[in-house]
Amino acid sequence: MPRWAVVRERSVRLSPMSPTAPNEPIALPDGFTAHVGNIGIKDATDDFCVLLSEVPCSAAAVFTKSLFAGPSVEVSRRHSAHGTLRAIAVISKNANVANGPDGLADAEELAAGVATAIGAEPSDVLIASTGVIGRRYPIDKIRSYLDALATPFTGRDAVGVAQAIMTTDTHPKVATAQIPLTGDAAGATATVVGVAKGVGMIEPDMATMLAFIVTDAAVAQHVLDEVFRRVVARTFNSLSVDTDTSTSDTAAVLANGMAGPVDPDDFETALESVCLNLTRQLASDGEGATKLLVVTASGARDDDQARRVAKSILNSPLVKTAVHGADPNWGRVAMAIGKCSEDTDIDQDAVVIRFGGSETYPAQLSEAGLASLEEYLQSDEITISVELGAGSSEWTVYGCDLSDGYVRINADYTT
């Protein structure tokens, strides 16, 4: 049996565009607990959570490259640099960005307050925030809340954590997979669970949005970091909703080792399955989205070219609106490829464009073919593939259509 066959995945949402929230809890891995609550950041919904491990974890994290990165990113870069963490604390509905020294002091106080509550050092806590930029935390409310926070935490449900980190998401996003243990524990499994949020301001330049993965597998920190960065490149960094990079993007993975050792290849397979599942959920829940859009560029000179061309198609407003309106205007894909004007080794005579499995270029579509393409474009998931004829590399990216709903959500965002 191939190694990947033993990895199982269960997602909150099985249908790409289904708005249905999970109807059953998804347990965190052994040794992890959670606290979820409402501080009153914006409204009465949950806006704060802490993911906590009983023991120190190997940790890896990636962050936004934005020049306006928030203080939660600045603090968490320092705390994650030593490769060990015990907790992740998230405040939603307030990004705490562009608030100068006061914002940094608030972020440091948040980390210190959580650390005191769990009996750890501030450097053991990764913090993240998401929401409106330019507004300070209601620090008095946060201070009072943290003063009353204490362990042990009794929460074990990842869905509650996913709900607490939401802003304009329409549903919580959770994915999980199992990994076979090795050595004396062979026959048992370790668990990987991931949660994520983010449906707008998404064009990752590191990871994207907020995504947190926890596992009870034993993974050395240097292996964890290497694997995570490879997985992020193929999943979160291959996601785009609107081409805008957030100031607060954070993705992290914690491994507490309480289940036992796993084969590194098995771990990477499971981690990628979870992150890809979350990526697809994020893409299909993009602000105003009605369709999941998956674009693959193959036959490229190298991975960078494949990614660049695929992103050019995915991010084109004309392609996205055509998909939204089920307009069989495949020429917009040709336009988006042609925009990559520095890639002079791409010859239009060698390019093949397909929607689903149907070729639209260079084959000329008949009226019946155009009607068939229009029907296909009414599907919940649209795949576009292009062969470039310039090499052997391939890359897939994930996004969504562009609707008037996106405009309305963002026109009214702060109100």
Protein backbone atom coordinates (compact mmCIF):
# COMPACT_ATOMS: atom_id res chain seq x y z
CA MET A 1 0.00 0.00 0.00
CA PRO A 2 1.45 3.44 -0.88
CA ARG A 3 2.35 5.55 2.12
CA TRP A 4 -0.19 8.26 1.38
CA ALA A 5 -3.04 5.76 1.44
CA VAL A 6 -2.96 5.51 5.22
CA VAL A 7 -3.56 9.21 5.71
CA ARG A 8 -7.19 10.06 6.31
CA GLU A 9 -8.72 13.52 6.13
CA ARG A 10 -11.96 14.90 7.50
CA SER A 11 -13.07 18.44 6.79
CA VAL A 12 -15.71 20.69 8.24
CA ARG A 13 -17.11 21.17 4.77
CA LEU A 14 -17.30 18.48 2.14
CA SER A 15 -19.02 20.51 -0.60
CA PRO A 16 -16.77 23.37 -1.80
CA MET A 17 -19.53 26.01 -1.77
CA SER A 18 -21.81 24.63 0.94
CA PRO A 19 -22.52 27.26 3.63
CA THR A 20 -23.40 24.63 6.19
CA ALA A 21 -21.50 24.93 9.49
CA PRO A 22 -20.16 21.76 11.13
CA ASN A 23 -22.78 19.90 13.13
CA GLU A 24 -20.35 17.95 15.31
CA PRO A 25 -17.22 18.85 17.25
CA ILE A 26 -13.74 18.00 15.99
CA ALA A 27 -11.40 17.09 18.82
CA LEU A 28 -7.97 18.64 19.20
CA PRO A 29 -4.96 16.28 19.32
CA ASP A 30 -3.87 14.78 22.64
CA GLY A 31 -2.33 17.29 25.01
CA PHE A 32 -4.04 20.33 23.47
CA THR A 33 -6.89 22.26 25.07
CA ALA A 34 -8.58 25.52 24.21
CA HIS A 35 -10.25 28.50 25.79
CA VAL A 36 -12.82 30.44 23.75
CA GLY A 37 -14.69 33.53 24.89
CA ASN A 38 -15.99 37.03 24.27
CA ILE A 39 -14.00 40.05 25.39
CA GLY A 40 -16.36 42.52 23.71
CA ILE A 41 -13.96 43.65 21.00
CA LYS A 42 -16.84 44.51 18.63
CA ASP A 43 -19.98 42.56 19.46
CA ALA A 44 -21.29 39.64 21.52
CA THR A 45 -19.79 36.86 19.37
CA ASP A 46 -16.66 34.97 20.43
CA ASP A 47 -13.60 37.10 19.68
CA PHE A 48 -10.81 35.52 21.71
CA CYS A 49 -9.24 32.10 21.96
CA VAL A 50 -6.16 30.37 23.30
CA LEU A 51 -4.80 27.06 21.99
CA LEU A 52 -2.66 25.51 24.72
CA SER A 53 -0.37 22.48 24.90
CA GLU A 54 0.32 20.69 28.19
CA VAL A 55 3.99 20.53 27.24
CA PRO A 56 6.37 22.68 25.17
CA CYS A 57 6.00 22.16 21.43
CA SER A 58 8.30 22.18 18.46
CA ALA A 59 7.01 25.14 16.46
CA ALA A 60 7.34 26.78 13.07
CA ALA A 61 5.65 29.93 11.80
CA VAL A 62 5.54 32.19 8.78
CA PHE A 63 4.30 35.76 8.61
CA THR A 64 3.25 38.49 6.23
CA LYS A 65 5.93 40.41 4.35
CA SER A 66 3.81 43.56 4.44
CA LEU A 67 5.71 46.75 5.29
CA PHE A 68 2.74 47.61 7.53
CA ALA A 69 2.93 44.37 9.52
CA GLY A 70 1.05 44.62 12.79
CA PRO A 71 2.61 44.37 16.24
CA SER A 72 1.15 40.88 16.74
CA VAL A 73 3.34 39.81 13.82
CA GLU A 74 6.35 41.68 15.22
CA VAL A 75 5.95 40.10 18.67
CA SER A 76 5.26 36.62 17.30
CA ARG A 77 8.28 36.70 14.98
CA ARG A 78 10.45 37.16 18.06
CA HIS A 79 8.65 34.53 20.11
CA SER A 80 8.66 31.86 17.40
CA ALA A 81 12.28 32.41 16.40
CA HIS A 82 13.60 29.95 19.02
CA GLY A 83 11.39 27.15 17.64
CA THR A 84 9.43 26.34 20.81
CA LEU A 85 5.95 27.51 21.82
CA ARG A 86 3.22 26.42 24.19
CA ALA A 87 0.24 28.54 23.20
CA ILE A 88 -1.41 30.54 20.44
CA ALA A 89 -3.69 33.43 21.42
CA VAL A 90 -5.92 35.16 18.88
CA ILE A 91 -8.03 38.31 19.04
CA SER A 92 -10.47 38.76 16.18
CA LYS A 93 -12.36 41.83 14.91
CA ASN A 94 -9.43 44.17 15.68
CA ALA A 95 -6.11 43.93 13.82
CA ASN A 96 -4.27 46.38 16.12
CA VAL A 97 -2.26 47.65 13.13
CA ALA A 98 -0.82 51.13 12.50
CA ASN A 99 -1.17 52.22 16.13
CA GLY A 100 2.50 53.06 16.77
CA PRO A 101 4.22 52.35 20.10
CA ASP A 102 0.86 52.06 21.88
CA GLY A 103 -0.19 49.23 19.60
CA LEU A 104 3.08 47.39 20.22
CA ALA A 105 2.71 47.83 23.98
CA ASP A 106 -0.84 46.45 23.79
CA ALA A 107 0.34 43.39 21.86
CA GLU A 108 3.12 42.72 24.34
CA GLU A 109 0.66 43.07 27.21
CA LEU A 110 -1.64 40.54 25.53
CA ALA A 111 1.18 38.00 25.25
CA ALA A 112 2.28 38.61 28.83
CA GLY A 113 -1.28 38.32 30.17
CA VAL A 114 -1.87 35.00 28.44
CA ALA A 115 1.52 33.74 29.63
CA THR A 116 0.65 34.57 33.24
CA ALA A 117 -2.69 32.78 32.93
CA ILE A 118 -1.10 29.57 31.64
CA GLY A 119 2.01 29.68 33.84
CA ALA A 120 4.49 30.27 31.02
CA GLU A 121 6.83 32.94 29.73
CA PRO A 122 5.60 35.55 27.23
CA SER A 123 8.04 34.12 24.69
CA ASP A 124 6.09 30.83 24.86
CA VAL A 125 3.01 32.53 23.40
CA LEU A 126 2.34 33.32 19.75
CA ILE A 127 -0.30 36.04 19.30
CA ALA A 128 -2.36 36.98 16.27
CA SER A 129 -5.00 39.59 15.49
CA THR A 130 -7.32 40.20 12.59
CA GLY A 131 -9.93 42.83 11.82
CA VAL A 132 -10.09 46.56 11.20
CA ILE A 133 -6.75 48.37 10.78
CA GLY A 134 -5.98 51.56 12.70
CA ARG A 135 -7.99 50.87 15.84
CA ARG A 136 -6.31 50.14 19.16
CA TYR A 137 -7.31 47.22 21.27
CA PRO A 138 -9.85 48.04 24.01
CA ILE A 139 -6.95 47.25 26.31
CA ASP A 140 -8.87 47.82 29.55
CA LYS A 141 -11.39 45.14 28.54
CA ILE A 142 -8.58 42.78 27.52
CA ARG A 143 -6.69 43.39 30.75
CA SER A 144 -9.75 42.63 32.87
CA TYR A 145 -10.52 39.50 30.86
CA LEU A 146 -6.98 38.15 31.15
CA ASP A 147 -6.87 38.86 34.88
CA ALA A 148 -9.71 36.34 35.26
CA LEU A 149 -8.28 33.79 32.82
CA ALA A 150 -6.83 30.65 34.39
CA THR A 151 -6.00 27.07 33.56
CA PRO A 152 -6.90 24.28 33.28
CA PHE A 153 -8.76 24.87 30.05
CA THR A 154 -11.47 22.31 29.40
CA GLY A 155 -12.22 23.00 25.74
CA ARG A 156 -11.30 20.30 23.23
CA ASP A 157 -13.31 21.35 20.19
CA ALA A 158 -11.40 22.80 17.21
CA VAL A 159 -14.63 24.12 15.68
CA GLY A 160 -15.08 26.53 18.58
CA VAL A 161 -11.55 27.83 18.01
CA ALA A 162 -12.25 28.29 14.30
CA GLN A 163 -15.43 30.23 15.10
CA ALA A 164 -13.64 32.53 17.53
CA ILE A 165 -11.07 33.68 14.94
CA MET A 166 -13.64 34.54 12.24
CA THR A 167 -14.32 38.05 10.95
CA THR A 168 -16.27 38.13 7.66
CA ASP A 169 -16.01 34.35 7.20
CA THR A 170 -19.40 32.72 6.72
CA HIS A 171 -18.47 29.53 8.55
CA PRO A 172 -15.63 28.03 10.63
CA LYS A 173 -12.89 26.20 8.76
CA VAL A 174 -11.35 23.04 10.21
CA ALA A 175 -9.54 20.06 8.69
CA THR A 176 -7.95 16.99 10.22
CA ALA A 177 -5.84 13.97 9.23
CA GLN A 178 -4.34 10.90 10.86
CA ILE A 179 -0.70 9.74 10.62
CA PRO A 180 0.55 6.22 11.40
CA LEU A 181 3.06 6.08 14.25
CA THR A 182 6.40 4.35 13.90
CA GLY A 183 8.60 2.30 16.24
CA ASP A 184 7.07 0.74 19.32
CA ALA A 185 3.81 2.60 18.71
CA ALA A 186 3.30 1.20 15.21
CA GLY A 187 -0.39 0.49 14.61
CA ALA A 188 -1.57 3.62 16.41
CA THR A 189 -1.94 7.08 14.91
CA ALA A 190 -1.13 10.71 15.58
CA THR A 191 -3.57 13.48 14.73
CA VAL A 192 -3.18 16.73 12.79
CA VAL A 193 -5.86 19.41 13.19
CA GLY A 194 -5.88 22.78 11.47
CA VAL A 195 -8.10 25.85 11.75
CA ALA A 196 -8.07 28.92 9.54
CA LYS A 197 -9.84 32.19 8.84
CA GLY A 198 -9.74 34.69 6.03
CA VAL A 199 -12.00 35.49 3.12
CA GLY A 200 -10.77 38.92 2.03
CA MET A 201 -7.50 40.88 1.77
CA ILE A 202 -5.90 37.65 0.63
CA GLU A 203 -2.91 37.52 -1.69
CA PRO A 204 -0.39 35.75 0.50
CA ASP A 205 3.22 36.71 0.54
CA MET A 206 4.21 34.22 3.23
CA ALA A 207 1.31 32.12 4.38
CA THR A 208 -1.99 33.95 4.31
CA MET A 209 -4.73 35.02 6.67
CA LEU A 210 -4.60 33.19 9.98
CA ALA A 211 -3.98 29.44 10.01
CA PHE A 212 -2.97 27.30 12.97
CA ILE A 213 -2.15 23.61 12.88
CA VAL A 214 -1.56 21.46 15.95
CA THR A 215 -0.43 17.85 16.17
CA ASP A 216 0.50 15.29 18.81
CA ALA A 217 3.10 13.77 16.46
CA ALA A 218 6.75 14.00 17.53
CA VAL A 219 8.56 16.04 14.88
CA ALA A 220 11.99 17.62 15.31
CA GLN A 221 11.86 21.41 15.02
CA HIS A 222 14.19 21.66 12.03
CA VAL A 223 12.13 19.05 10.18
CA LEU A 224 8.90 20.81 11.17
CA ASP A 225 10.16 24.13 9.83
CA GLU A 226 11.40 22.69 6.52
CA VAL A 227 8.22 20.70 5.93
CA PHE A 228 5.92 23.56 6.89
CA ARG A 229 7.56 26.01 4.50
CA ARG A 230 7.28 23.54 1.63
CA VAL A 231 3.63 22.88 2.43
CA VAL A 232 2.81 26.58 2.80
CA ALA A 233 4.24 27.27 -0.66
CA ARG A 234 1.90 24.72 -2.26
CA THR A 235 -1.20 25.60 -0.23
CA PHE A 236 -1.64 28.91 1.60
CA ASN A 237 0.83 30.74 -0.62
CA SER A 238 -1.07 29.46 -3.65
CA LEU A 239 -4.31 31.13 -2.55
CA SER A 240 -5.66 34.47 -3.71
CA VAL A 241 -9.03 36.13 -3.27
CA ASP A 242 -8.42 39.75 -4.19
CA THR A 243 -4.63 40.29 -4.67
CA ASP A 244 -4.33 42.29 -1.42
CA THR A 245 -1.74 41.15 1.14
CA SER A 246 -2.86 41.51 4.76
CA THR A 247 -0.88 43.29 7.46
CA SER A 248 -1.57 40.45 9.91
CA ASP A 249 -1.07 37.18 8.02
CA THR A 250 0.19 34.43 10.30
CA ALA A 251 0.44 30.67 9.90
CA ALA A 252 1.93 28.39 12.54
CA VAL A 253 2.25 24.71 13.39
CA LEU A 254 2.84 23.23 16.87
CA ALA A 255 3.88 19.62 17.52
CA ASN A 256 3.84 18.43 21.14
CA GLY A 257 4.98 14.84 20.46
CA MET A 258 2.57 13.25 22.95
CA ALA A 259 1.37 10.53 20.54
CA GLY A 260 4.82 9.44 19.42
CA PRO A 261 7.15 9.51 16.40
CA VAL A 262 6.01 9.49 12.77
CA ASP A 263 7.74 9.09 9.44
CA PRO A 264 8.60 12.59 8.11
CA ASP A 265 7.14 11.78 4.70
CA ASP A 266 3.89 10.64 6.27
CA PHE A 267 3.82 13.81 8.34
CA GLU A 268 4.33 16.03 5.30
CA THR A 269 1.57 14.22 3.43
CA ALA A 270 -0.88 14.67 6.33
CA LEU A 271 0.12 18.29 6.92
CA GLU A 272 -0.32 19.12 3.25
CA SER A 273 -3.71 17.41 3.12
CA VAL A 274 -4.92 19.53 6.05
CA CYS A 275 -3.47 22.79 4.69
CA LEU A 276 -4.79 22.15 1.18
CA ASN A 277 -8.24 21.37 2.56
CA LEU A 278 -8.18 24.65 4.51
CA THR A 279 -6.92 26.51 1.43
CA ARG A 280 -9.85 25.24 -0.64
CA GLN A 281 -12.30 26.19 2.12
CA LEU A 282 -10.82 29.68 2.33
CA ALA A 283 -10.94 30.15 -1.44
CA SER A 284 -14.54 28.99 -1.79
CA ASP A 285 -15.61 31.24 1.11
CA GLY A 286 -13.96 34.32 -0.37
CA GLU A 287 -15.93 37.48 0.23
CA GLY A 288 -18.94 37.46 -2.08
CA ALA A 289 -17.79 34.20 -3.71
CA THR A 290 -20.21 31.87 -5.45
CA LYS A 291 -17.66 29.56 -7.10
CA LEU A 292 -14.33 27.96 -6.25
CA LEU A 293 -11.75 28.64 -8.98
CA VAL A 294 -8.76 26.28 -9.38
CA VAL A 295 -6.08 27.15 -11.96
CA THR A 296 -3.17 24.90 -12.97
CA ALA A 297 -0.27 25.93 -15.18
CA SER A 298 1.82 23.03 -16.47
CA GLY A 299 4.64 22.65 -18.98
CA ALA A 300 6.41 25.65 -17.43
CA ARG A 301 10.13 26.40 -17.42
CA ASP A 302 10.24 26.22 -13.61
CA ASP A 303 7.95 26.46 -10.59
CA ASP A 304 8.20 30.26 -10.47
CA GLN A 305 6.95 30.60 -14.02
CA ALA A 306 4.13 28.13 -13.46
CA ARG A 307 3.03 29.94 -10.30
CA ARG A 308 3.29 33.36 -11.97
CA VAL A 309 1.14 32.39 -14.95
CA ALA A 310 -1.44 30.58 -12.81
CA LYS A 311 -1.71 33.59 -10.49
CA SER A 312 -2.04 35.95 -13.46
CA ILE A 313 -5.11 34.00 -14.58
CA LEU A 314 -6.55 33.55 -11.08
CA ASN A 315 -6.14 37.24 -10.17
CA SER A 316 -7.53 38.69 -13.39
CA PRO A 317 -10.74 40.61 -12.63
CA LEU A 318 -11.91 39.85 -16.17
CA VAL A 319 -11.40 36.11 -15.72
CA LYS A 320 -13.03 36.18 -12.28
CA THR A 321 -16.08 38.11 -13.46
CA ALA A 322 -16.47 35.87 -16.52
CA VAL A 323 -16.48 32.86 -14.21
CA HIS A 324 -19.02 34.57 -11.97
CA GLY A 325 -21.34 35.34 -14.86
CA ALA A 326 -20.82 31.98 -16.61
CA ASP A 327 -19.58 33.91 -19.66
CA PRO A 328 -17.71 31.47 -21.97
CA ASN A 329 -15.12 34.13 -22.82
CA TRP A 330 -12.05 31.87 -22.69
CA GLY A 331 -10.03 34.60 -24.45
CA ARG A 332 -9.64 36.32 -21.10
CA VAL A 333 -7.45 33.42 -20.01
CA ALA A 334 -5.28 33.92 -23.10
CA MET A 335 -5.05 37.60 -22.19
CA ALA A 336 -3.93 36.79 -18.65
CA ILE A 337 -1.19 34.47 -19.93
CA GLY A 338 -0.06 37.14 -22.35
CA LYS A 339 0.31 39.68 -19.52
CA CYS A 340 3.37 37.72 -18.36
CA SER A 341 5.32 39.60 -21.02
CA GLU A 342 8.77 38.92 -19.56
CA ASP A 343 8.28 35.18 -20.00
CA THR A 344 9.40 35.28 -23.62
CA ASP A 345 9.89 31.50 -23.79
CA ILE A 346 6.10 31.08 -23.76
CA ASP A 347 4.97 30.72 -27.39
CA GLN A 348 1.25 31.21 -27.95
CA ASP A 349 1.34 28.56 -30.68
CA ALA A 350 2.44 25.97 -28.09
CA VAL A 351 -0.13 26.92 -25.43
CA VAL A 352 -3.23 24.81 -24.73
CA ILE A 353 -6.12 26.18 -22.62
CA ARG A 354 -8.77 23.94 -21.06
CA PHE A 355 -11.84 24.54 -18.90
CA GLY A 356 -12.58 21.37 -16.98
CA GLY A 357 -11.38 18.72 -19.43
CA SER A 358 -12.50 20.59 -22.55
CA GLU A 359 -9.98 22.31 -24.81
CA THR A 360 -10.86 25.90 -25.73
CA TYR A 361 -7.57 26.86 -27.41
CA PRO A 362 -6.07 26.26 -29.94
CA ALA A 363 -9.16 24.26 -30.89
CA GLN A 364 -11.94 26.55 -32.05
CA LEU A 365 -15.18 26.11 -30.16
CA SER A 366 -18.37 25.68 -32.13
CA GLU A 367 -21.61 27.30 -30.99
CA ALA A 368 -22.44 24.02 -29.30
CA GLY A 369 -19.03 24.05 -27.64
CA LEU A 370 -19.57 27.58 -26.33
CA ALA A 371 -22.96 26.55 -24.97
CA SER A 372 -21.37 23.56 -23.24
CA LEU A 373 -18.69 25.81 -21.72
CA GLU A 374 -21.36 28.23 -20.49
CA GLU A 375 -23.13 25.33 -18.80
CA TYR A 376 -19.88 24.17 -17.19
CA LEU A 377 -19.23 27.68 -15.84
CA GLN A 378 -22.40 27.43 -13.79
CA SER A 379 -20.76 24.74 -11.63
CA ASP A 380 -19.72 25.33 -8.01
CA GLU A 381 -16.08 24.53 -8.83
CA ILE A 382 -14.36 25.70 -11.99
CA THR A 383 -10.98 24.35 -13.10
CA ILE A 384 -8.84 26.08 -15.70
CA SER A 385 -5.65 24.42 -16.94
CA VAL A 386 -3.03 25.78 -19.29
CA GLU A 387 -0.10 23.95 -20.86
CA LEU A 388 2.72 26.37 -21.67
CA GLY A 389 5.06 24.18 -23.71
CA ALA A 390 8.13 25.68 -22.06
CA GLY A 391 9.26 22.91 -19.68
CA SER A 392 8.00 20.35 -17.19
CA SER A 393 7.05 22.30 -14.05
CA GLU A 394 3.48 22.60 -12.76
CA TRP A 395 1.71 24.74 -10.15
CA THR A 396 -1.90 24.96 -8.94
CA VAL A 397 -3.50 28.01 -7.33
CA TYR A 398 -6.86 28.51 -5.64
CA GLY A 399 -9.31 31.40 -5.58
CA CYS A 400 -12.88 32.40 -6.37
CA ASP A 401 -15.06 34.43 -8.66
CA LEU A 402 -15.60 38.18 -8.29
CA SER A 403 -19.16 39.24 -7.55
CA ASP A 404 -21.03 42.40 -6.60
CA GLY A 405 -21.21 40.86 -3.13
CA TYR A 406 -17.45 41.41 -2.72
CA VAL A 407 -17.90 45.11 -3.45
CA ARG A 408 -20.80 45.44 -1.02
CA ILE A 409 -19.01 43.65 1.84
CA ASN A 410 -15.91 45.82 1.51
CA ALA A 411 -17.76 49.06 0.85
CA ASP A 412 -19.51 48.65 4.20
CA TYR A 413 -16.68 46.89 6.11
CA THR A 414 -16.15 49.30 9.04
CA THR A 415 -19.83 50.13 9.42
